PDB file of N, CA and C in Angstrom:
ATOM      1  N   MET A   1       0.815  -1.184   0.000  1.00  0.00           N
ATOM      2  CA  MET A   1       0.000   0.000   0.000  1.00  0.00           C
ATOM      3  C   MET A   1       0.865   1.257   0.000  1.00  0.00           C
ATOM      4  N   LEU A   2       1.955   1.230   0.738  1.00  0.00           N
ATOM      5  CA  LEU A   2       2.848   2.386   0.771  1.00  0.00           C
ATOM      6  C   LEU A   2       3.447   2.655  -0.608  1.00  0.00           C
ATOM      7  N   VAL A   3       3.755   1.586  -1.324  1.00  0.00           N
ATOM      8  CA  VAL A   3       4.300   1.745  -2.674  1.00  0.00           C
ATOM      9  C   VAL A   3       3.286   2.441  -3.581  1.00  0.00           C
ATOM     10  N   GLN A   4       2.032   2.100  -3.456  1.00  0.00           N
ATOM     11  CA  GLN A   4       1.003   2.732  -4.275  1.00  0.00           C
ATOM     12  C   GLN A   4       0.830   4.206  -3.917  1.00  0.00           C
ATOM     13  N   VAL A   5       0.967   4.554  -2.650  1.00  0.00           N
ATOM     14  CA  VAL A   5       0.880   5.959  -2.234  1.00  0.00           C
ATOM     15  C   VAL A   5       2.039   6.756  -2.812  1.00  0.00           C
ATOM     16  N   VAL A   6       3.248   6.208  -2.719  1.00  0.00           N
ATOM     17  CA  VAL A   6       4.414   6.882  -3.294  1.00  0.00           C
ATOM     18  C   VAL A   6       4.261   7.009  -4.797  1.00  0.00           C
ATOM     19  N   ARG A   7       3.797   5.947  -5.423  1.00  0.00           N
ATOM     20  CA  ARG A   7       3.623   5.968  -6.876  1.00  0.00           C
ATOM     21  C   ARG A   7       2.574   6.997  -7.288  1.00  0.00           C
ATOM     22  N   GLY A   8       1.532   7.126  -6.525  1.00  0.00           N
ATOM     23  CA  GLY A   8       0.456   8.047  -6.882  1.00  0.00           C
ATOM     24  C   GLY A   8       0.761   9.500  -6.600  1.00  0.00           C
ATOM     25  N   PHE A   9       1.407   9.788  -5.479  1.00  0.00           N
ATOM     26  CA  PHE A   9       1.600  11.180  -5.080  1.00  0.00           C
ATOM     27  C   PHE A   9       2.984  11.738  -5.386  1.00  0.00           C
ATOM     28  N   VAL A  10       4.008  10.934  -5.265  1.00  0.00           N
ATOM     29  CA  VAL A  10       5.365  11.434  -5.477  1.00  0.00           C
ATOM     30  C   VAL A  10       5.784  11.289  -6.934  1.00  0.00           C
ATOM     31  N   LEU A  11       5.634  10.105  -7.500  1.00  0.00           N
ATOM     32  CA  LEU A  11       6.074   9.897  -8.875  1.00  0.00           C
ATOM     33  C   LEU A  11       5.207  10.627  -9.897  1.00  0.00           C
ATOM     34  N   ALA A  12       4.012  11.008  -9.505  1.00  0.00           N
ATOM     35  CA  ALA A  12       3.151  11.746 -10.432  1.00  0.00           C
ATOM     36  C   ALA A  12       3.731  13.125 -10.761  1.00  0.00           C
ATOM     37  N   ARG A  13       4.617  13.617  -9.932  1.00  0.00           N
ATOM     38  CA  ARG A  13       5.213  14.937 -10.152  1.00  0.00           C
ATOM     39  C   ARG A  13       6.478  14.883 -11.010  1.00  0.00           C
ATOM     40  N   VAL A  14       6.968  13.703 -11.315  1.00  0.00           N
ATOM     41  CA  VAL A  14       8.191  13.538 -12.102  1.00  0.00           C
ATOM     42  C   VAL A  14       7.830  13.505 -13.579  1.00  0.00           C
ATOM     43  N   THR A  15       8.488  14.364 -14.364  1.00  0.00           N
ATOM     44  CA  THR A  15       8.239  14.423 -15.807  1.00  0.00           C
ATOM     45  C   THR A  15       9.565  14.395 -16.557  1.00  0.00           C
ATOM     46  N   VAL A  16       9.478  14.255 -17.863  1.00  0.00           N
ATOM     47  CA  VAL A  16      10.685  14.265 -18.695  1.00  0.00           C
ATOM     48  C   VAL A  16      11.353  15.637 -18.627  1.00  0.00           C
ATOM     49  N   ARG A  17      10.565  16.682 -18.608  1.00  0.00           N
ATOM     50  CA  ARG A  17      11.123  18.035 -18.534  1.00  0.00           C
ATOM     51  C   ARG A  17      11.839  18.271 -17.205  1.00  0.00           C
ATOM     52  N   SER A  18      11.301  17.717 -16.113  1.00  0.00           N
ATOM     53  CA  SER A  18      11.968  17.876 -14.821  1.00  0.00           C
ATOM     54  C   SER A  18      13.278  17.093 -14.780  1.00  0.00           C
ATOM     55  N   LEU A  19      13.358  15.982 -15.497  1.00  0.00           N
ATOM     56  CA  LEU A  19      14.606  15.224 -15.566  1.00  0.00           C
ATOM     57  C   LEU A  19      15.694  16.034 -16.253  1.00  0.00           C
ATOM     58  N   LYS A  20      15.349  16.671 -17.344  1.00  0.00           N
ATOM     59  CA  LYS A  20      16.344  17.424 -18.105  1.00  0.00           C
ATOM     60  C   LYS A  20      16.799  18.690 -17.394  1.00  0.00           C
ATOM     61  N   SER A  21      16.002  19.182 -16.438  1.00  0.00           N
ATOM     62  CA  SER A  21      16.370  20.406 -15.730  1.00  0.00           C
ATOM     63  C   SER A  21      17.116  20.133 -14.426  1.00  0.00           C
ATOM     64  N   LEU A  22      17.347  18.874 -14.074  1.00  0.00           N
ATOM     65  CA  LEU A  22      18.044  18.550 -12.836  1.00  0.00           C
ATOM     66  C   LEU A  22      19.525  18.882 -12.947  1.00  0.00           C
ATOM     67  N   PRO A  23      20.105  19.433 -11.882  1.00  0.00           N
ATOM     68  CA  PRO A  23      21.554  19.683 -11.907  1.00  0.00           C
ATOM     69  C   PRO A  23      22.316  18.368 -11.816  1.00  0.00           C
ATOM     70  N   GLY A  24      23.488  18.336 -12.397  1.00  0.00           N
ATOM     71  CA  GLY A  24      24.318  17.147 -12.353  1.00  0.00           C
ATOM     72  C   GLY A  24      24.148  16.214 -13.530  1.00  0.00           C
ATOM     73  N   LEU A  25      23.219  16.510 -14.424  1.00  0.00           N
ATOM     74  CA  LEU A  25      23.018  15.650 -15.581  1.00  0.00           C
ATOM     75  C   LEU A  25      23.587  16.257 -16.863  1.00  0.00           C
ATOM     76  N   GLU A  26      24.384  17.308 -16.714  1.00  0.00           N
ATOM     77  CA  GLU A  26      25.003  17.903 -17.891  1.00  0.00           C
ATOM     78  C   GLU A  26      26.003  16.909 -18.487  1.00  0.00           C
ATOM     79  N   GLY A  27      25.919  16.689 -19.756  1.00  0.00           N
ATOM     80  CA  GLY A  27      26.831  15.781 -20.437  1.00  0.00           C
ATOM     81  C   GLY A  27      26.448  14.314 -20.331  1.00  0.00           C
ATOM     82  N   CYS A  28      25.415  13.998 -19.586  1.00  0.00           N
ATOM     83  CA  CYS A  28      24.965  12.611 -19.480  1.00  0.00           C
ATOM     84  C   CYS A  28      24.112  12.264 -20.689  1.00  0.00           C
ATOM     85  N   GLN A  29      24.268  11.046 -21.141  1.00  0.00           N
ATOM     86  CA  GLN A  29      23.493  10.597 -22.286  1.00  0.00           C
ATOM     87  C   GLN A  29      22.166  10.041 -21.790  1.00  0.00           C
ATOM     88  N   LEU A  30      21.081  10.753 -22.093  1.00  0.00           N
ATOM     89  CA  LEU A  30      19.749  10.344 -21.685  1.00  0.00           C
ATOM     90  C   LEU A  30      19.029   9.702 -22.861  1.00  0.00           C
ATOM     91  N   PRO A  31      18.125   8.780 -22.587  1.00  0.00           N
ATOM     92  CA  PRO A  31      17.365   8.179 -23.689  1.00  0.00           C
ATOM     93  C   PRO A  31      16.448   9.212 -24.337  1.00  0.00           C
ATOM     94  N   PRO A  32      16.055   8.986 -25.576  1.00  0.00           N
ATOM     95  CA  PRO A  32      15.137   9.935 -26.230  1.00  0.00           C
ATOM     96  C   PRO A  32      13.798   9.986 -25.508  1.00  0.00           C
ATOM     97  N   ASP A  33      13.097  11.110 -25.687  1.00  0.00           N
ATOM     98  CA  ASP A  33      11.831  11.320 -24.991  1.00  0.00           C
ATOM     99  C   ASP A  33      10.804  10.231 -25.302  1.00  0.00           C
ATOM    100  N   ASN A  34      10.739   9.797 -26.559  1.00  0.00           N
ATOM    101  CA  ASN A  34       9.724   8.798 -26.909  1.00  0.00           C
ATOM    102  C   ASN A  34      10.002   7.451 -26.247  1.00  0.00           C
ATOM    103  N   ALA A  35      11.259   7.158 -25.906  1.00  0.00           N
ATOM    104  CA  ALA A  35      11.566   5.919 -25.192  1.00  0.00           C
ATOM    105  C   ALA A  35      11.050   5.973 -23.759  1.00  0.00           C
ATOM    106  N   LEU A  36      10.992   7.170 -23.200  1.00  0.00           N
ATOM    107  CA  LEU A  36      10.490   7.323 -21.836  1.00  0.00           C
ATOM    108  C   LEU A  36       8.971   7.408 -21.793  1.00  0.00           C
ATOM    109  N   LEU A  37       8.377   7.924 -22.842  1.00  0.00           N
ATOM    110  CA  LEU A  37       6.933   8.154 -22.833  1.00  0.00           C
ATOM    111  C   LEU A  37       6.121   6.974 -23.339  1.00  0.00           C
ATOM    112  N   ASN A  38       6.705   6.131 -24.165  1.00  0.00           N
ATOM    113  CA  ASN A  38       5.940   5.067 -24.828  1.00  0.00           C
ATOM    114  C   ASN A  38       6.264   3.684 -24.283  1.00  0.00           C
ATOM    115  N   SER A  39       6.141   3.497 -22.990  1.00  0.00           N
ATOM    116  CA  SER A  39       6.405   2.194 -22.396  1.00  0.00           C
ATOM    117  C   SER A  39       5.100   1.513 -22.038  1.00  0.00           C
ATOM    118  N   ASN A  40       5.032   0.228 -22.324  1.00  0.00           N
ATOM    119  CA  ASN A  40       3.856  -0.553 -21.943  1.00  0.00           C
ATOM    120  C   ASN A  40       3.973  -1.092 -20.526  1.00  0.00           C
ATOM    121  N   VAL A  41       5.179  -1.077 -19.978  1.00  0.00           N
ATOM    122  CA  VAL A  41       5.426  -1.674 -18.675  1.00  0.00           C
ATOM    123  C   VAL A  41       5.461  -0.622 -17.568  1.00  0.00           C
ATOM    124  N   TYR A  42       6.198   0.476 -17.801  1.00  0.00           N
ATOM    125  CA  TYR A  42       6.398   1.491 -16.771  1.00  0.00           C
ATOM    126  C   TYR A  42       5.666   2.771 -17.128  1.00  0.00           C
ATOM    127  N   SER A  43       5.264   3.494 -16.094  1.00  0.00           N
ATOM    128  CA  SER A  43       4.687   4.816 -16.320  1.00  0.00           C
ATOM    129  C   SER A  43       5.817   5.762 -16.731  1.00  0.00           C
ATOM    130  N   THR A  44       5.460   6.947 -17.182  1.00  0.00           N
ATOM    131  CA  THR A  44       6.471   7.926 -17.584  1.00  0.00           C
ATOM    132  C   THR A  44       7.381   8.268 -16.417  1.00  0.00           C
ATOM    133  N   ALA A  45       6.816   8.447 -15.234  1.00  0.00           N
ATOM    134  CA  ALA A  45       7.612   8.791 -14.059  1.00  0.00           C
ATOM    135  C   ALA A  45       8.585   7.676 -13.694  1.00  0.00           C
ATOM    136  N   GLU A  46       8.158   6.426 -13.791  1.00  0.00           N
ATOM    137  CA  GLU A  46       9.049   5.311 -13.492  1.00  0.00           C
ATOM    138  C   GLU A  46      10.166   5.204 -14.526  1.00  0.00           C
ATOM    139  N   ALA A  47       9.863   5.445 -15.788  1.00  0.00           N
ATOM    140  CA  ALA A  47      10.893   5.417 -16.831  1.00  0.00           C
ATOM    141  C   ALA A  47      11.887   6.553 -16.640  1.00  0.00           C
ATOM    142  N   VAL A  48      11.416   7.728 -16.228  1.00  0.00           N
ATOM    143  CA  VAL A  48      12.302   8.856 -15.953  1.00  0.00           C
ATOM    144  C   VAL A  48      13.201   8.537 -14.769  1.00  0.00           C
ATOM    145  N   LEU A  49      12.657   7.904 -13.747  1.00  0.00           N
ATOM    146  CA  LEU A  49      13.454   7.509 -12.590  1.00  0.00           C
ATOM    147  C   LEU A  49      14.542   6.515 -12.978  1.00  0.00           C
ATOM    148  N   LEU A  50      14.217   5.542 -13.817  1.00  0.00           N
ATOM    149  CA  LEU A  50      15.228   4.592 -14.303  1.00  0.00           C
ATOM    150  C   LEU A  50      16.311   5.298 -15.114  1.00  0.00           C
ATOM    151  N   ALA A  51      15.930   6.269 -15.941  1.00  0.00           N
ATOM    152  CA  ALA A  51      16.915   7.017 -16.731  1.00  0.00           C
ATOM    153  C   ALA A  51      17.822   7.832 -15.823  1.00  0.00           C
ATOM    154  N   TRP A  52      17.280   8.420 -14.763  1.00  0.00           N
ATOM    155  CA  TRP A  52      18.056   9.213 -13.815  1.00  0.00           C
ATOM    156  C   TRP A  52      19.060   8.333 -13.070  1.00  0.00           C
ATOM    157  N   ILE A  53      18.605   7.163 -12.610  1.00  0.00           N
ATOM    158  CA  ILE A  53      19.497   6.244 -11.896  1.00  0.00           C
ATOM    159  C   ILE A  53      20.596   5.740 -12.827  1.00  0.00           C
ATOM    160  N   THR A  54      20.246   5.411 -14.051  1.00  0.00           N
ATOM    161  CA  THR A  54      21.234   4.928 -15.017  1.00  0.00           C
ATOM    162  C   THR A  54      22.273   5.996 -15.333  1.00  0.00           C
ATOM    163  N   ALA A  55      21.849   7.249 -15.489  1.00  0.00           N
ATOM    164  CA  ALA A  55      22.783   8.340 -15.786  1.00  0.00           C
ATOM    165  C   ALA A  55      23.789   8.523 -14.649  1.00  0.00           C
ATOM    166  N   HIS A  56      23.319   8.481 -13.419  1.00  0.00           N
ATOM    167  CA  HIS A  56      24.233   8.632 -12.290  1.00  0.00           C
ATOM    168  C   HIS A  56      25.115   7.403 -12.106  1.00  0.00           C
ATOM    169  N   TYR A  57      24.616   6.244 -12.432  1.00  0.00           N
ATOM    170  CA  TYR A  57      25.424   5.032 -12.369  1.00  0.00           C
ATOM    171  C   TYR A  57      26.585   5.115 -13.361  1.00  0.00           C
ATOM    172  N   HIS A  58      26.303   5.624 -14.560  1.00  0.00           N
ATOM    173  CA  HIS A  58      27.350   5.752 -15.575  1.00  0.00           C
ATOM    174  C   HIS A  58      28.374   6.817 -15.203  1.00  0.00           C
ATOM    175  N   LYS A  59      27.972   7.834 -14.440  1.00  0.00           N
ATOM    176  CA  LYS A  59      28.929   8.844 -13.993  1.00  0.00           C
ATOM    177  C   LYS A  59      29.894   8.267 -12.965  1.00  0.00           C
ATOM    178  N   VAL A  60      29.423   7.355 -12.126  1.00  0.00           N
ATOM    179  CA  VAL A  60      30.252   6.789 -11.065  1.00  0.00           C
ATOM    180  C   VAL A  60      31.089   5.618 -11.586  1.00  0.00           C
ATOM    181  N   CYS A  61      30.496   4.732 -12.310  1.00  0.00           N
ATOM    182  CA  CYS A  61      31.172   3.522 -12.804  1.00  0.00           C
ATOM    183  C   CYS A  61      31.397   3.657 -14.302  1.00  0.00           C
ATOM    184  N   LEU A  62      32.501   4.256 -14.658  1.00  0.00           N
ATOM    185  CA  LEU A  62      32.770   4.521 -16.072  1.00  0.00           C
ATOM    186  C   LEU A  62      33.123   3.264 -16.854  1.00  0.00           C
ATOM    187  N   LEU A  63      33.650   2.258 -16.187  1.00  0.00           N
ATOM    188  CA  LEU A  63      34.111   1.072 -16.899  1.00  0.00           C
ATOM    189  C   LEU A  63      32.996   0.078 -17.188  1.00  0.00           C
ATOM    190  N   LEU A  64      31.953   0.087 -16.404  1.00  0.00           N
ATOM    191  CA  LEU A  64      30.879  -0.891 -16.570  1.00  0.00           C
ATOM    192  C   LEU A  64      29.736  -0.292 -17.372  1.00  0.00           C
ATOM    193  N   VAL A  65      29.343  -0.966 -18.427  1.00  0.00           N
ATOM    194  CA  VAL A  65      28.210  -0.526 -19.229  1.00  0.00           C
ATOM    195  C   VAL A  65      27.004  -1.334 -18.769  1.00  0.00           C
ATOM    196  N   PHE A  66      26.068  -0.641 -18.152  1.00  0.00           N
ATOM    197  CA  PHE A  66      24.910  -1.306 -17.571  1.00  0.00           C
ATOM    198  C   PHE A  66      23.733  -0.350 -17.646  1.00  0.00           C
ATOM    199  N   THR A  67      22.601  -0.826 -18.118  1.00  0.00           N
ATOM    200  CA  THR A  67      21.392  -0.015 -18.191  1.00  0.00           C
ATOM    201  C   THR A  67      20.327  -0.661 -17.327  1.00  0.00           C
ATOM    202  N   LEU A  68      19.801   0.107 -16.401  1.00  0.00           N
ATOM    203  CA  LEU A  68      18.750  -0.403 -15.532  1.00  0.00           C
ATOM    204  C   LEU A  68      17.456  -0.482 -16.320  1.00  0.00           C
ATOM    205  N   VAL A  69      16.848  -1.627 -16.303  1.00  0.00           N
ATOM    206  CA  VAL A  69      15.592  -1.802 -17.018  1.00  0.00           C
ATOM    207  C   VAL A  69      14.495  -2.362 -16.111  1.00  0.00           C
ATOM    208  N   ASN A  70      14.811  -2.523 -14.831  1.00  0.00           N
ATOM    209  CA  ASN A  70      13.856  -3.131 -13.936  1.00  0.00           C
ATOM    210  C   ASN A  70      13.958  -2.467 -12.568  1.00  0.00           C
ATOM    211  N   ILE A  71      12.860  -1.954 -12.054  1.00  0.00           N
ATOM    212  CA  ILE A  71      12.873  -1.288 -10.759  1.00  0.00           C
ATOM    213  C   ILE A  71      13.029  -2.299  -9.637  1.00  0.00           C
ATOM    214  N   SER A  72      12.574  -3.502  -9.794  1.00  0.00           N
ATOM    215  CA  SER A  72      12.607  -4.482  -8.708  1.00  0.00           C
ATOM    216  C   SER A  72      14.015  -5.032  -8.449  1.00  0.00           C
ATOM    217  N   VAL A  73      15.013  -4.544  -9.168  1.00  0.00           N
ATOM    218  CA  VAL A  73      16.391  -4.964  -8.931  1.00  0.00           C
ATOM    219  C   VAL A  73      16.864  -4.473  -7.567  1.00  0.00           C
ATOM    220  N   PHE A  74      16.338  -3.346  -7.121  1.00  0.00           N
ATOM    221  CA  PHE A  74      16.768  -2.765  -5.854  1.00  0.00           C
ATOM    222  C   PHE A  74      16.285  -3.621  -4.743  1.00  0.00           C
TER     223      PHE A  74
END
């Protein structure tokens, strides 16, 4: 139930435009907008969150090429 509350109230405020305006993502390679908006599995906010986590992962671990595609990995 807590997950549904977070998903409904917190993730509803996350958009593609808010991702691009975050500090610290300059020079990071982000997926195209249509890849974030046209998912059958994840909502737009969840796809944006995965893109944000992946971008920061690539900044820290330069040698490992890894793209997060599943939220339940955590």
